[in-house]
Protein backbone atom coordinates (compact mmCIF):
# COMPACT_ATOMS: atom_id res chain seq x y z
CA MET A 1 356.56 105.77 129.46
CA TYR A 2 359.39 103.84 131.09
CA GLN A 3 358.45 100.22 131.74
CA GLY A 4 361.29 99.23 134.12
CA ASP A 5 361.36 96.56 136.82
CA ALA A 6 359.21 97.12 139.89
CA GLY A 7 361.10 99.22 142.38
CA SER A 8 363.63 100.55 139.84
CA SER A 9 364.00 104.22 139.20
CA PRO A 10 362.50 105.67 136.01
CA ALA A 11 364.69 106.32 132.96
CA PRO A 12 366.40 109.69 133.07
CA SER A 13 364.63 112.34 131.06
CA PRO A 14 366.75 114.22 128.52
CA GLU A 15 368.01 117.66 129.48
CA VAL A 16 367.26 120.24 126.79
CA THR A 17 369.25 123.46 126.69
CA ASP A 18 368.50 126.58 124.72
CA PRO A 19 371.33 129.10 124.16
CA ALA A 20 368.82 131.96 124.39
CA GLU A 21 367.77 131.03 127.93
CA PRO A 22 369.03 133.34 130.69
CA GLY A 23 371.80 131.75 132.70
CA ASN A 24 373.04 129.53 129.87
CA ASN A 25 376.83 129.89 129.98
CA ASN A 26 377.39 128.50 126.48
CA LYS A 27 377.55 131.78 124.54
CA GLU A 28 378.91 130.01 121.43
CA ALA A 29 375.81 127.83 120.97
CA THR A 30 373.51 128.87 118.15
CA MET A 31 371.04 125.98 118.14
CA ARG A 32 369.10 123.79 120.49
CA GLU A 33 370.85 120.76 121.89
CA ILE A 34 369.78 117.78 123.93
CA ILE A 35 371.80 115.96 126.58
CA ILE A 36 371.05 112.29 127.18
CA ASP A 37 373.05 110.38 129.78
CA GLY A 38 375.68 113.10 129.74
CA ILE A 39 376.13 113.06 125.95
CA THR A 40 375.24 116.27 124.06
CA TYR A 41 373.45 115.91 120.72
CA VAL A 42 372.76 118.76 118.29
CA PRO A 43 370.78 118.72 115.03
CA LYS A 44 372.76 118.23 111.86
CA THR A 45 373.04 121.47 109.91
CA PRO A 46 374.03 122.14 106.31
CA GLU A 47 376.85 124.51 107.31
CA GLY A 48 380.12 123.28 105.84
CA SER A 49 378.43 120.85 103.43
CA TYR A 50 378.48 121.03 99.62
CA TYR A 51 375.03 121.95 98.28
CA ILE A 52 373.25 122.92 95.08
CA VAL A 53 371.24 126.08 95.77
CA ARG A 54 368.53 127.30 93.38
CA THR A 55 367.27 130.86 93.62
CA ALA A 56 364.15 132.50 92.23
CA SER A 57 366.07 134.89 89.96
CA ALA A 58 369.88 134.48 90.18
CA GLY A 59 370.10 130.91 88.92
CA VAL A 60 371.68 127.78 90.34
CA PHE A 61 374.89 127.61 92.37
CA ALA A 62 376.97 124.90 94.03
CA GLY A 63 379.22 125.51 96.99
CA TYR A 64 379.86 125.06 100.68
CA ILE A 65 377.21 126.53 102.99
CA LYS A 66 378.68 129.16 105.26
CA GLU A 67 375.40 130.54 106.62
CA HIS A 68 371.72 129.82 106.08
CA ASN A 69 368.95 132.11 107.32
CA GLY A 70 365.51 131.65 105.76
CA GLN A 71 365.75 132.45 102.06
CA GLU A 72 369.28 133.85 102.36
CA VAL A 73 372.30 131.57 101.94
CA LYS A 74 375.99 132.42 101.97
CA LEU A 75 378.23 130.03 100.03
CA THR A 76 382.01 129.71 99.90
CA GLU A 77 384.01 128.16 97.04
CA ALA A 78 380.89 128.65 94.94
CA ARG A 79 380.27 128.38 91.23
CA ARG A 80 377.23 129.03 89.09
CA LEU A 81 375.84 125.93 87.37
CA TRP A 82 375.06 127.54 84.06
CA HIS A 83 374.65 124.49 81.81
CA TRP A 84 374.94 120.76 82.48
CA LYS A 85 374.61 117.62 80.43
CA GLY A 86 374.22 114.10 81.73
CA ALA A 87 371.69 114.71 84.51
CA ALA A 88 367.96 115.11 83.90
CA SER A 89 367.31 117.36 86.92
CA LEU A 90 369.00 119.17 89.78
CA SER A 91 367.97 116.29 92.02
CA GLN A 92 369.82 113.79 89.83
CA LEU A 93 372.75 116.19 89.52
CA SER A 94 373.06 116.38 93.31
CA VAL A 95 373.07 112.58 93.69
CA ASP A 96 374.83 111.26 90.57
CA GLY A 97 376.81 114.23 89.30
CA VAL A 98 377.02 114.52 85.52
CA SER A 99 377.93 111.87 82.97
CA CYS A 100 379.35 114.42 80.48
CA PRO A 101 381.51 116.83 82.54
CA LYS A 102 383.36 118.13 79.45
CA GLU A 103 380.06 119.39 78.04
CA CYS A 104 379.03 121.31 81.17
CA LYS A 105 379.52 125.02 81.81
CA PHE A 106 380.37 125.60 85.46
CA PRO A 107 382.25 128.93 85.42
CA CYS A 108 385.11 129.79 87.76
CA GLU A 109 384.80 129.48 91.50
CA VAL A 110 384.26 132.61 93.58
CA PRO A 111 385.42 132.78 97.22
CA ASP A 112 382.03 133.94 98.61
CA VAL A 113 378.55 134.70 97.34
CA THR A 114 375.35 135.69 99.14
CA LEU A 115 372.17 134.39 97.53
CA TYR A 116 368.71 135.82 98.16
CA GLY A 117 365.35 134.27 97.27
CA VAL A 118 366.54 130.69 97.77
CA ILE A 119 363.82 128.24 96.76
CA GLU A 120 365.68 124.91 96.80
CA MET A 121 368.72 123.43 98.56
CA LEU A 122 370.01 119.97 97.66
CA PRO A 123 372.87 118.23 99.48
CA CYS A 124 375.47 116.97 97.01
CA SER A 125 377.44 113.81 96.68
CA ASP A 126 381.23 113.99 96.80
CA ARG A 127 381.14 113.09 93.10
CA LEU A 128 379.53 116.40 92.08
CA SER A 129 381.90 118.39 94.28
CA SER A 130 384.95 116.94 92.51
CA GLN A 131 383.31 117.00 89.05
CA SER A 132 382.43 120.68 89.27
CA ARG A 133 386.13 121.50 89.53
CA ARG A 134 386.88 119.54 86.34
CA CYS A 135 384.07 121.04 84.22
CA ARG A 136 384.90 123.48 81.48
CA TYR A 137 384.86 127.16 82.44
CA GLY A 138 382.95 129.71 80.44
CA LEU A 139 381.66 129.32 76.91
CA ARG A 140 382.19 126.28 74.75
CA LYS A 141 384.46 126.77 71.77
């Protein structure tokens, strides 16, 4: 509750818009937004961010999120994380990257991939994004 000076007007309440509401002219909007004092705020989404995505049966991938809908994720510039050394878990991999990039197997990048049965999504540091491009492709010799 607003506790302003006696006789002052109450604080403005935020205006919430929903793109699905009839009469909303913003046809491009795909999420809820809130307007406070004329400034529009929207929730941060993973779209466009580099993530590690683990699926129930297809393995682990890293790439930029293009779309996310429930357990379906579309990635761009994606590669499968087949084998890594120098991180104890996917969580550590997403934060610290790997300490032994030459001993990892992150095969070639594919332009797009759609993953089903997603069970984990971890935002990645810039370090992993750049390391994944330097890791050895394919099988070790």
